Amino acid sequence: MFGKRQLVRKYIRFYGWVQAVGFRWRATQAAEHCGATGWVRNEYDDSVSMEIQGTEGQIDDVIAALQRGSYIRIDRMEVKTLPVDPDERGFRVRYY
């Protein structure tokens, strides 16, 4: 149970049909709804990068919301664990 409440931070790179389909908007809405913090941005290679911080459950819920999104198709994800940022507040869209 303790592990479910512990904050983690992940860098996730999404590949597939993830740009020009409302991905960043949906990610922001889902993160805010779930209480996760971080950022999301489009990359030049048509992928989308995200740093997201929350419990494992919150992060899983955000990814599930993205996978349910109309027009969004996630073919694969690269995930790396990062150090937690204790001062981060909110979730936002970043631009190049």
PDB file of N, CA and C in Angstrom:
ATOM      1  N   MET A   1       0.816  -1.196   0.000  1.00  0.00           N
ATOM      2  CA  MET A   1       0.000   0.000   0.000  1.00  0.00           C
ATOM      3  C   MET A   1       0.861   1.263   0.000  1.00  0.00           C
ATOM      4  N   PHE A   2       1.951   1.260   0.745  1.00  0.00           N
ATOM      5  CA  PHE A   2       2.820   2.436   0.817  1.00  0.00           C
ATOM      6  C   PHE A   2       3.349   2.812  -0.552  1.00  0.00           C
ATOM      7  N   GLY A   3       3.737   1.823  -1.374  1.00  0.00           N
ATOM      8  CA  GLY A   3       4.278   2.093  -2.702  1.00  0.00           C
ATOM      9  C   GLY A   3       3.281   2.774  -3.615  1.00  0.00           C
ATOM     10  N   LYS A   4       2.002   2.546  -3.397  1.00  0.00           N
ATOM     11  CA  LYS A   4       0.957   3.154  -4.227  1.00  0.00           C
ATOM     12  C   LYS A   4       0.863   4.660  -3.970  1.00  0.00           C
ATOM     13  N   ARG A   5       1.269   5.111  -2.792  1.00  0.00           N
ATOM     14  CA  ARG A   5       1.140   6.522  -2.436  1.00  0.00           C
ATOM     15  C   ARG A   5       2.429   7.297  -2.641  1.00  0.00           C
ATOM     16  N   GLN A   6       3.506   6.632  -2.872  1.00  0.00           N
ATOM     17  CA  GLN A   6       4.796   7.285  -3.038  1.00  0.00           C
ATOM     18  C   GLN A   6       4.855   8.008  -4.377  1.00  0.00           C
ATOM     19  N   LEU A   7       5.351   9.241  -4.359  1.00  0.00           N
ATOM     20  CA  LEU A   7       5.494  10.002  -5.592  1.00  0.00           C
ATOM     21  C   LEU A   7       6.644   9.464  -6.427  1.00  0.00           C
ATOM     22  N   VAL A   8       6.414   9.415  -7.717  1.00  0.00           N
ATOM     23  CA  VAL A   8       7.451   9.056  -8.686  1.00  0.00           C
ATOM     24  C   VAL A   8       7.379  10.071  -9.819  1.00  0.00           C
ATOM     25  N   ARG A   9       8.453  10.164 -10.581  1.00  0.00           N
ATOM     26  CA  ARG A   9       8.488  11.040 -11.750  1.00  0.00           C
ATOM     27  C   ARG A   9       8.995  10.217 -12.923  1.00  0.00           C
ATOM     28  N   LYS A  10       8.315  10.357 -14.061  1.00  0.00           N
ATOM     29  CA  LYS A  10       8.700   9.590 -15.240  1.00  0.00           C
ATOM     30  C   LYS A  10       8.782  10.489 -16.467  1.00  0.00           C
ATOM     31  N   TYR A  11       9.762  10.192 -17.285  1.00  0.00           N
ATOM     32  CA  TYR A  11       9.848  10.785 -18.617  1.00  0.00           C
ATOM     33  C   TYR A  11       9.287   9.731 -19.560  1.00  0.00           C
ATOM     34  N   ILE A  12       8.291  10.122 -20.348  1.00  0.00           N
ATOM     35  CA  ILE A  12       7.673   9.186 -21.277  1.00  0.00           C
ATOM     36  C   ILE A  12       7.688   9.798 -22.665  1.00  0.00           C
ATOM     37  N   ARG A  13       8.156   9.028 -23.637  1.00  0.00           N
ATOM     38  CA  ARG A  13       8.125   9.444 -25.048  1.00  0.00           C
ATOM     39  C   ARG A  13       7.094   8.574 -25.737  1.00  0.00           C
ATOM     40  N   PHE A  14       6.096   9.206 -26.333  1.00  0.00           N
ATOM     41  CA  PHE A  14       5.001   8.515 -27.008  1.00  0.00           C
ATOM     42  C   PHE A  14       5.212   8.551 -28.517  1.00  0.00           C
ATOM     43  N   TYR A  15       5.032   7.408 -29.149  1.00  0.00           N
ATOM     44  CA  TYR A  15       5.135   7.289 -30.603  1.00  0.00           C
ATOM     45  C   TYR A  15       3.825   6.741 -31.143  1.00  0.00           C
ATOM     46  N   GLY A  16       3.475   7.166 -32.329  1.00  0.00           N
ATOM     47  CA  GLY A  16       2.243   6.722 -32.967  1.00  0.00           C
ATOM     48  C   GLY A  16       1.548   7.919 -33.587  1.00  0.00           C
ATOM     49  N   TRP A  17       0.243   7.917 -33.538  1.00  0.00           N
ATOM     50  CA  TRP A  17      -0.552   9.035 -34.038  1.00  0.00           C
ATOM     51  C   TRP A  17      -0.846   9.897 -32.824  1.00  0.00           C
ATOM     52  N   VAL A  18       0.106  10.771 -32.482  1.00  0.00           N
ATOM     53  CA  VAL A  18       0.045  11.506 -31.224  1.00  0.00           C
ATOM     54  C   VAL A  18       0.149  13.026 -31.382  1.00  0.00           C
ATOM     55  N   GLN A  19       0.345  13.511 -32.595  1.00  0.00           N
ATOM     56  CA  GLN A  19       0.368  14.958 -32.812  1.00  0.00           C
ATOM     57  C   GLN A  19      -0.837  15.366 -33.655  1.00  0.00           C
ATOM     58  N   ALA A  20      -1.333  16.578 -33.404  1.00  0.00           N
ATOM     59  CA  ALA A  20      -2.472  17.151 -34.130  1.00  0.00           C
ATOM     60  C   ALA A  20      -3.760  16.349 -33.898  1.00  0.00           C
ATOM     61  N   VAL A  21      -3.852  15.700 -32.732  1.00  0.00           N
ATOM     62  CA  VAL A  21      -5.039  14.902 -32.400  1.00  0.00           C
ATOM     63  C   VAL A  21      -5.567  15.225 -30.993  1.00  0.00           C
ATOM     64  N   GLY A  22      -5.133  16.337 -30.415  1.00  0.00           N
ATOM     65  CA  GLY A  22      -5.590  16.722 -29.080  1.00  0.00           C
ATOM     66  C   GLY A  22      -4.848  16.036 -27.951  1.00  0.00           C
ATOM     67  N   PHE A  23      -3.704  15.451 -28.252  1.00  0.00           N
ATOM     68  CA  PHE A  23      -2.944  14.695 -27.242  1.00  0.00           C
ATOM     69  C   PHE A  23      -2.538  15.572 -26.062  1.00  0.00           C
ATOM     70  N   ARG A  24      -1.932  16.721 -26.348  1.00  0.00           N
ATOM     71  CA  ARG A  24      -1.442  17.573 -25.259  1.00  0.00           C
ATOM     72  C   ARG A  24      -2.595  18.104 -24.412  1.00  0.00           C
ATOM     73  N   TRP A  25      -3.694  18.472 -25.052  1.00  0.00           N
ATOM     74  CA  TRP A  25      -4.859  18.957 -24.319  1.00  0.00           C
ATOM     75  C   TRP A  25      -5.402  17.848 -23.423  1.00  0.00           C
ATOM     76  N   ARG A  26      -5.562  16.642 -23.987  1.00  0.00           N
ATOM     77  CA  ARG A  26      -6.085  15.526 -23.206  1.00  0.00           C
ATOM     78  C   ARG A  26      -5.134  15.175 -22.061  1.00  0.00           C
ATOM     79  N   ALA A  27      -3.831  15.208 -22.312  1.00  0.00           N
ATOM     80  CA  ALA A  27      -2.847  14.918 -21.261  1.00  0.00           C
ATOM     81  C   ALA A  27      -2.968  15.927 -20.121  1.00  0.00           C
ATOM     82  N   THR A  28      -3.114  17.194 -20.472  1.00  0.00           N
ATOM     83  CA  THR A  28      -3.242  18.234 -19.455  1.00  0.00           C
ATOM     84  C   THR A  28      -4.510  18.048 -18.640  1.00  0.00           C
ATOM     85  N   GLN A  29      -5.624  17.811 -19.315  1.00  0.00           N
ATOM     86  CA  GLN A  29      -6.892  17.610 -18.618  1.00  0.00           C
ATOM     87  C   GLN A  29      -6.835  16.387 -17.703  1.00  0.00           C
ATOM     88  N   ALA A  30      -6.285  15.285 -18.212  1.00  0.00           N
ATOM     89  CA  ALA A  30      -6.206  14.049 -17.421  1.00  0.00           C
ATOM     90  C   ALA A  30      -5.284  14.232 -16.215  1.00  0.00           C
ATOM     91  N   ALA A  31      -4.136  14.874 -16.415  1.00  0.00           N
ATOM     92  CA  ALA A  31      -3.195  15.083 -15.317  1.00  0.00           C
ATOM     93  C   ALA A  31      -3.824  15.957 -14.234  1.00  0.00           C
ATOM     94  N   GLU A  32      -4.488  17.035 -14.649  1.00  0.00           N
ATOM     95  CA  GLU A  32      -5.137  17.905 -13.672  1.00  0.00           C
ATOM     96  C   GLU A  32      -6.234  17.157 -12.927  1.00  0.00           C
ATOM     97  N   HIS A  33      -7.005  16.354 -13.640  1.00  0.00           N
ATOM     98  CA  HIS A  33      -8.079  15.570 -13.015  1.00  0.00           C
ATOM     99  C   HIS A  33      -7.516  14.560 -11.998  1.00  0.00           C
ATOM    100  N   CYS A  34      -6.390  13.951 -12.342  1.00  0.00           N
ATOM    101  CA  CYS A  34      -5.801  12.911 -11.489  1.00  0.00           C
ATOM    102  C   CYS A  34      -4.888  13.478 -10.401  1.00  0.00           C
ATOM    103  N   GLY A  35      -4.549  14.756 -10.485  1.00  0.00           N
ATOM    104  CA  GLY A  35      -3.671  15.358  -9.488  1.00  0.00           C
ATOM    105  C   GLY A  35      -2.196  15.175  -9.768  1.00  0.00           C
ATOM    106  N   ALA A  36      -1.843  14.845 -11.007  1.00  0.00           N
ATOM    107  CA  ALA A  36      -0.437  14.689 -11.386  1.00  0.00           C
ATOM    108  C   ALA A  36       0.127  16.036 -11.827  1.00  0.00           C
ATOM    109  N   THR A  37       1.441  16.184 -11.748  1.00  0.00           N
ATOM    110  CA  THR A  37       2.113  17.403 -12.189  1.00  0.00           C
ATOM    111  C   THR A  37       3.092  17.063 -13.308  1.00  0.00           C
ATOM    112  N   GLY A  38       3.608  18.103 -13.966  1.00  0.00           N
ATOM    113  CA  GLY A  38       4.610  17.893 -15.003  1.00  0.00           C
ATOM    114  C   GLY A  38       4.347  18.724 -16.231  1.00  0.00           C
ATOM    115  N   TRP A  39       4.737  18.176 -17.385  1.00  0.00           N
ATOM    116  CA  TRP A  39       4.584  18.891 -18.646  1.00  0.00           C
ATOM    117  C   TRP A  39       4.505  17.909 -19.807  1.00  0.00           C
ATOM    118  N   VAL A  40       4.053  18.422 -20.952  1.00  0.00           N
ATOM    119  CA  VAL A  40       3.956  17.638 -22.181  1.00  0.00           C
ATOM    120  C   VAL A  40       4.328  18.553 -23.345  1.00  0.00           C
ATOM    121  N   ARG A  41       4.989  18.010 -24.381  1.00  0.00           N
ATOM    122  CA  ARG A  41       5.327  18.823 -25.558  1.00  0.00           C
ATOM    123  C   ARG A  41       5.477  17.948 -26.793  1.00  0.00           C
ATOM    124  N   ASN A  42       5.199  18.539 -27.940  1.00  0.00           N
ATOM    125  CA  ASN A  42       5.452  17.886 -29.221  1.00  0.00           C
ATOM    126  C   ASN A  42       6.942  17.913 -29.512  1.00  0.00           C
ATOM    127  N   GLU A  43       7.417  16.889 -30.181  1.00  0.00           N
ATOM    128  CA  GLU A  43       8.810  16.822 -30.606  1.00  0.00           C
ATOM    129  C   GLU A  43       8.878  16.924 -32.129  1.00  0.00           C
ATOM    130  N   TYR A  44      10.047  17.261 -32.644  1.00  0.00           N
ATOM    131  CA  TYR A  44      10.229  17.461 -34.083  1.00  0.00           C
ATOM    132  C   TYR A  44      10.055  16.182 -34.891  1.00  0.00           C
ATOM    133  N   ASP A  45      10.189  15.022 -34.267  1.00  0.00           N
ATOM    134  CA  ASP A  45      10.077  13.750 -34.996  1.00  0.00           C
ATOM    135  C   ASP A  45       8.654  13.183 -34.956  1.00  0.00           C
ATOM    136  N   ASP A  46       7.660  14.011 -34.616  1.00  0.00           N
ATOM    137  CA  ASP A  46       6.241  13.634 -34.533  1.00  0.00           C
ATOM    138  C   ASP A  46       5.900  12.801 -33.306  1.00  0.00           C
ATOM    139  N   SER A  47       6.827  12.654 -32.384  1.00  0.00           N
ATOM    140  CA  SER A  47       6.517  12.008 -31.112  1.00  0.00           C
ATOM    141  C   SER A  47       6.089  13.094 -30.121  1.00  0.00           C
ATOM    142  N   VAL A  48       5.688  12.675 -28.938  1.00  0.00           N
ATOM    143  CA  VAL A  48       5.334  13.599 -27.860  1.00  0.00           C
ATOM    144  C   VAL A  48       6.095  13.165 -26.609  1.00  0.00           C
ATOM    145  N   SER A  49       6.700  14.137 -25.929  1.00  0.00           N
ATOM    146  CA  SER A  49       7.406  13.875 -24.677  1.00  0.00           C
ATOM    147  C   SER A  49       6.589  14.378 -23.504  1.00  0.00           C
ATOM    148  N   MET A  50       6.726  13.672 -22.407  1.00  0.00           N
ATOM    149  CA  MET A  50       6.025  14.062 -21.183  1.00  0.00           C
ATOM    150  C   MET A  50       6.917  13.749 -19.983  1.00  0.00           C
ATOM    151  N   GLU A  51       6.953  14.680 -19.040  1.00  0.00           N
ATOM    152  CA  GLU A  51       7.458  14.372 -17.713  1.00  0.00           C
ATOM    153  C   GLU A  51       6.244  14.480 -16.810  1.00  0.00           C
ATOM    154  N   ILE A  52       5.990  13.425 -16.083  1.00  0.00           N
ATOM    155  CA  ILE A  52       4.798  13.386 -15.236  1.00  0.00           C
ATOM    156  C   ILE A  52       5.188  12.878 -13.852  1.00  0.00           C
ATOM    157  N   GLN A  53       4.612  13.513 -12.861  1.00  0.00           N
ATOM    158  CA  GLN A  53       4.919  13.184 -11.470  1.00  0.00           C
ATOM    159  C   GLN A  53       3.622  12.954 -10.709  1.00  0.00           C
ATOM    160  N   GLY A  54       3.605  11.894  -9.956  1.00  0.00           N
ATOM    161  CA  GLY A  54       2.453  11.545  -9.136  1.00  0.00           C
ATOM    162  C   GLY A  54       2.673  10.142  -8.598  1.00  0.00           C
ATOM    163  N   THR A  55       1.611   9.540  -8.104  1.00  0.00           N
ATOM    164  CA  THR A  55       1.719   8.142  -7.690  1.00  0.00           C
ATOM    165  C   THR A  55       1.686   7.274  -8.955  1.00  0.00           C
ATOM    166  N   GLU A  56       2.076   6.034  -8.819  1.00  0.00           N
ATOM    167  CA  GLU A  56       1.988   5.110  -9.968  1.00  0.00           C
ATOM    168  C   GLU A  56       0.553   5.052 -10.488  1.00  0.00           C
ATOM    169  N   GLY A  57      -0.416   5.041  -9.564  1.00  0.00           N
ATOM    170  CA  GLY A  57      -1.816   4.997  -9.958  1.00  0.00           C
ATOM    171  C   GLY A  57      -2.248   6.227 -10.739  1.00  0.00           C
ATOM    172  N   GLN A  58      -1.820   7.405 -10.300  1.00  0.00           N
ATOM    173  CA  GLN A  58      -2.162   8.636 -11.025  1.00  0.00           C
ATOM    174  C   GLN A  58      -1.580   8.621 -12.439  1.00  0.00           C
ATOM    175  N   ILE A  59      -0.327   8.208 -12.549  1.00  0.00           N
ATOM    176  CA  ILE A  59       0.325   8.160 -13.859  1.00  0.00           C
ATOM    177  C   ILE A  59      -0.368   7.136 -14.753  1.00  0.00           C
ATOM    178  N   ASP A  60      -0.679   5.978 -14.208  1.00  0.00           N
ATOM    179  CA  ASP A  60      -1.405   4.957 -14.982  1.00  0.00           C
ATOM    180  C   ASP A  60      -2.752   5.485 -15.462  1.00  0.00           C
ATOM    181  N   ASP A  61      -3.445   6.246 -14.600  1.00  0.00           N
ATOM    182  CA  ASP A  61      -4.748   6.797 -14.979  1.00  0.00           C
ATOM    183  C   ASP A  61      -4.620   7.809 -16.112  1.00  0.00           C
ATOM    184  N   VAL A  62      -3.573   8.621 -16.097  1.00  0.00           N
ATOM    185  CA  VAL A  62      -3.361   9.593 -17.178  1.00  0.00           C
ATOM    186  C   VAL A  62      -3.093   8.858 -18.490  1.00  0.00           C
ATOM    187  N   ILE A  63      -2.253   7.848 -18.464  1.00  0.00           N
ATOM    188  CA  ILE A  63      -1.955   7.092 -19.684  1.00  0.00           C
ATOM    189  C   ILE A  63      -3.208   6.385 -20.191  1.00  0.00           C
ATOM    190  N   ALA A  64      -4.006   5.837 -19.288  1.00  0.00           N
ATOM    191  CA  ALA A  64      -5.252   5.180 -19.701  1.00  0.00           C
ATOM    192  C   ALA A  64      -6.196   6.176 -20.373  1.00  0.00           C
ATOM    193  N   ALA A  65      -6.269   7.405 -19.842  1.00  0.00           N
ATOM    194  CA  ALA A  65      -7.120   8.435 -20.448  1.00  0.00           C
ATOM    195  C   ALA A  65      -6.629   8.783 -21.850  1.00  0.00           C
ATOM    196  N   LEU A  66      -5.321   8.821 -22.024  1.00  0.00           N
ATOM    197  CA  LEU A  66      -4.767   9.102 -23.351  1.00  0.00           C
ATOM    198  C   LEU A  66      -5.108   7.978 -24.330  1.00  0.00           C
ATOM    199  N   GLN A  67      -5.008   6.752 -23.869  1.00  0.00           N
ATOM    200  CA  GLN A  67      -5.283   5.609 -24.741  1.00  0.00           C
ATOM    201  C   GLN A  67      -6.755   5.520 -25.125  1.00  0.00           C
ATOM    202  N   ARG A  68      -7.634   6.071 -24.297  1.00  0.00           N
ATOM    203  CA  ARG A  68      -9.060   6.091 -24.616  1.00  0.00           C
ATOM    204  C   ARG A  68      -9.429   7.234 -25.549  1.00  0.00           C
ATOM    205  N   GLY A  69      -8.492   8.151 -25.777  1.00  0.00           N
ATOM    206  CA  GLY A  69      -8.787   9.345 -26.549  1.00  0.00           C
ATOM    207  C   GLY A  69      -9.109   9.064 -28.007  1.00  0.00           C
ATOM    208  N   SER A  70     -10.118   9.740 -28.500  1.00  0.00           N
ATOM    209  CA  SER A  70     -10.457   9.641 -29.920  1.00  0.00           C
ATOM    210  C   SER A  70      -9.281  10.129 -30.752  1.00  0.00           C
ATOM    211  N   TYR A  71      -9.011   9.453 -31.819  1.00  0.00           N
ATOM    212  CA  TYR A  71      -7.973   9.812 -32.802  1.00  0.00           C
ATOM    213  C   TYR A  71      -6.550   9.535 -32.323  1.00  0.00           C
ATOM    214  N   ILE A  72      -6.340   9.376 -31.043  1.00  0.00           N
ATOM    215  CA  ILE A  72      -4.994   9.111 -30.523  1.00  0.00           C
ATOM    216  C   ILE A  72      -4.694   7.627 -30.663  1.00  0.00           C
ATOM    217  N   ARG A  73      -3.499   7.322 -31.190  1.00  0.00           N
ATOM    218  CA  ARG A  73      -3.053   5.932 -31.254  1.00  0.00           C
ATOM    219  C   ARG A  73      -1.603   5.885 -30.774  1.00  0.00           C
ATOM    220  N   ILE A  74      -1.406   5.269 -29.627  1.00  0.00           N
ATOM    221  CA  ILE A  74      -0.060   5.119 -29.072  1.00  0.00           C
ATOM    222  C   ILE A  74       0.467   3.767 -29.515  1.00  0.00           C
ATOM    223  N   ASP A  75       1.498   3.786 -30.365  1.00  0.00           N
ATOM    224  CA  ASP A  75       2.106   2.541 -30.836  1.00  0.00           C
ATOM    225  C   ASP A  75       3.124   2.004 -29.843  1.00  0.00           C
ATOM    226  N   ARG A  76       3.873   2.922 -29.229  1.00  0.00           N
ATOM    227  CA  ARG A  76       4.851   2.493 -28.222  1.00  0.00           C
ATOM    228  C   ARG A  76       5.233   3.670 -27.348  1.00  0.00           C
ATOM    229  N   MET A  77       5.798   3.327 -26.188  1.00  0.00           N
ATOM    230  CA  MET A  77       6.249   4.335 -25.236  1.00  0.00           C
ATOM    231  C   MET A  77       7.638   3.946 -24.744  1.00  0.00           C
ATOM    232  N   GLU A  78       8.490   4.938 -24.588  1.00  0.00           N
ATOM    233  CA  GLU A  78       9.776   4.763 -23.915  1.00  0.00           C
ATOM    234  C   GLU A  78       9.635   5.457 -22.568  1.00  0.00           C
ATOM    235  N   VAL A  79       9.956   4.752 -21.495  1.00  0.00           N
ATOM    236  CA  VAL A  79       9.745   5.285 -20.148  1.00  0.00           C
ATOM    237  C   VAL A  79      11.050   5.240 -19.367  1.00  0.00           C
ATOM    238  N   LYS A  80      11.374   6.359 -18.717  1.00  0.00           N
ATOM    239  CA  LYS A  80      12.535   6.430 -17.833  1.00  0.00           C
ATOM    240  C   LYS A  80      12.079   7.030 -16.512  1.00  0.00           C
ATOM    241  N   THR A  81      12.611   6.523 -15.413  1.00  0.00           N
ATOM    242  CA  THR A  81      12.318   7.067 -14.098  1.00  0.00           C
ATOM    243  C   THR A  81      13.293   8.200 -13.807  1.00  0.00           C
ATOM    244  N   LEU A  82      12.770   9.293 -13.267  1.00  0.00           N
ATOM    245  CA  LEU A  82      13.560  10.482 -12.955  1.00  0.00           C
ATOM    246  C   LEU A  82      13.425  10.805 -11.470  1.00  0.00           C
ATOM    247  N   PRO A  83      14.312  11.668 -10.958  1.00  0.00           N
ATOM    248  CA  PRO A  83      14.157  12.121  -9.575  1.00  0.00           C
ATOM    249  C   PRO A  83      12.890  12.975  -9.437  1.00  0.00           C
ATOM    250  N   VAL A  84      12.225  12.870  -8.316  1.00  0.00           N
ATOM    251  CA  VAL A  84      11.030  13.664  -8.023  1.00  0.00           C
ATOM    252  C   VAL A  84      11.424  15.130  -7.862  1.00  0.00           C
ATOM    253  N   ASP A  85      10.590  16.023  -8.370  1.00  0.00           N
ATOM    254  CA  ASP A  85      10.764  17.467  -8.191  1.00  0.00           C
ATOM    255  C   ASP A  85       9.792  17.911  -7.105  1.00  0.00           C
ATOM    256  N   PRO A  86      10.275  18.111  -5.874  1.00  0.00           N
ATOM    257  CA  PRO A  86       9.362  18.419  -4.762  1.00  0.00           C
ATOM    258  C   PRO A  86       8.700  19.789  -4.874  1.00  0.00           C
ATOM    259  N   ASP A  87       9.216  20.663  -5.723  1.00  0.00           N
ATOM    260  CA  ASP A  87       8.684  22.021  -5.838  1.00  0.00           C
ATOM    261  C   ASP A  87       7.720  22.196  -7.011  1.00  0.00           C
ATOM    262  N   GLU A  88       7.518  21.176  -7.801  1.00  0.00           N
ATOM    263  CA  GLU A  88       6.674  21.317  -8.986  1.00  0.00           C
ATOM    264  C   GLU A  88       5.206  21.435  -8.605  1.00  0.00           C
ATOM    265  N   ARG A  89       4.519  22.341  -9.287  1.00  0.00           N
ATOM    266  CA  ARG A  89       3.086  22.542  -9.094  1.00  0.00           C
ATOM    267  C   ARG A  89       2.430  22.595 -10.469  1.00  0.00           C
ATOM    268  N   GLY A  90       1.365  21.874 -10.649  1.00  0.00           N
ATOM    269  CA  GLY A  90       0.588  21.939 -11.879  1.00  0.00           C
ATOM    270  C   GLY A  90       1.160  21.128 -13.026  1.00  0.00           C
ATOM    271  N   PHE A  91       0.406  21.131 -14.114  1.00  0.00           N
ATOM    272  CA  PHE A  91       0.781  20.419 -15.335  1.00  0.00           C
ATOM    273  C   PHE A  91       0.569  21.389 -16.481  1.00  0.00           C
ATOM    274  N   ARG A  92       1.538  21.463 -17.400  1.00  0.00           N
ATOM    275  CA  ARG A  92       1.429  22.452 -18.473  1.00  0.00           C
ATOM    276  C   ARG A  92       1.945  21.912 -19.796  1.00  0.00           C
ATOM    277  N   VAL A  93       1.579  22.595 -20.852  1.00  0.00           N
ATOM    278  CA  VAL A  93       2.111  22.303 -22.185  1.00  0.00           C
ATOM    279  C   VAL A  93       3.397  23.122 -22.323  1.00  0.00           C
ATOM    280  N   ARG A  94       4.441  22.462 -22.764  1.00  0.00           N
ATOM    281  CA  ARG A  94       5.701  23.138 -23.086  1.00  0.00           C
ATOM    282  C   ARG A  94       5.829  23.227 -24.587  1.00  0.00           C
ATOM    283  N   TYR A  95       6.518  24.228 -25.029  1.00  0.00           N
ATOM    284  CA  TYR A  95       6.766  24.389 -26.455  1.00  0.00           C
ATOM    285  C   TYR A  95       8.265  24.252 -26.694  1.00  0.00           C
ATOM    286  N   TYR A  96       8.612  23.808 -27.886  1.00  0.00           N
ATOM    287  CA  TYR A  96      10.009  23.553 -28.231  1.00  0.00           C
ATOM    288  C   TYR A  96      10.890  24.537 -27.529  1.00  0.00           C
TER     289      TYR A  96
END
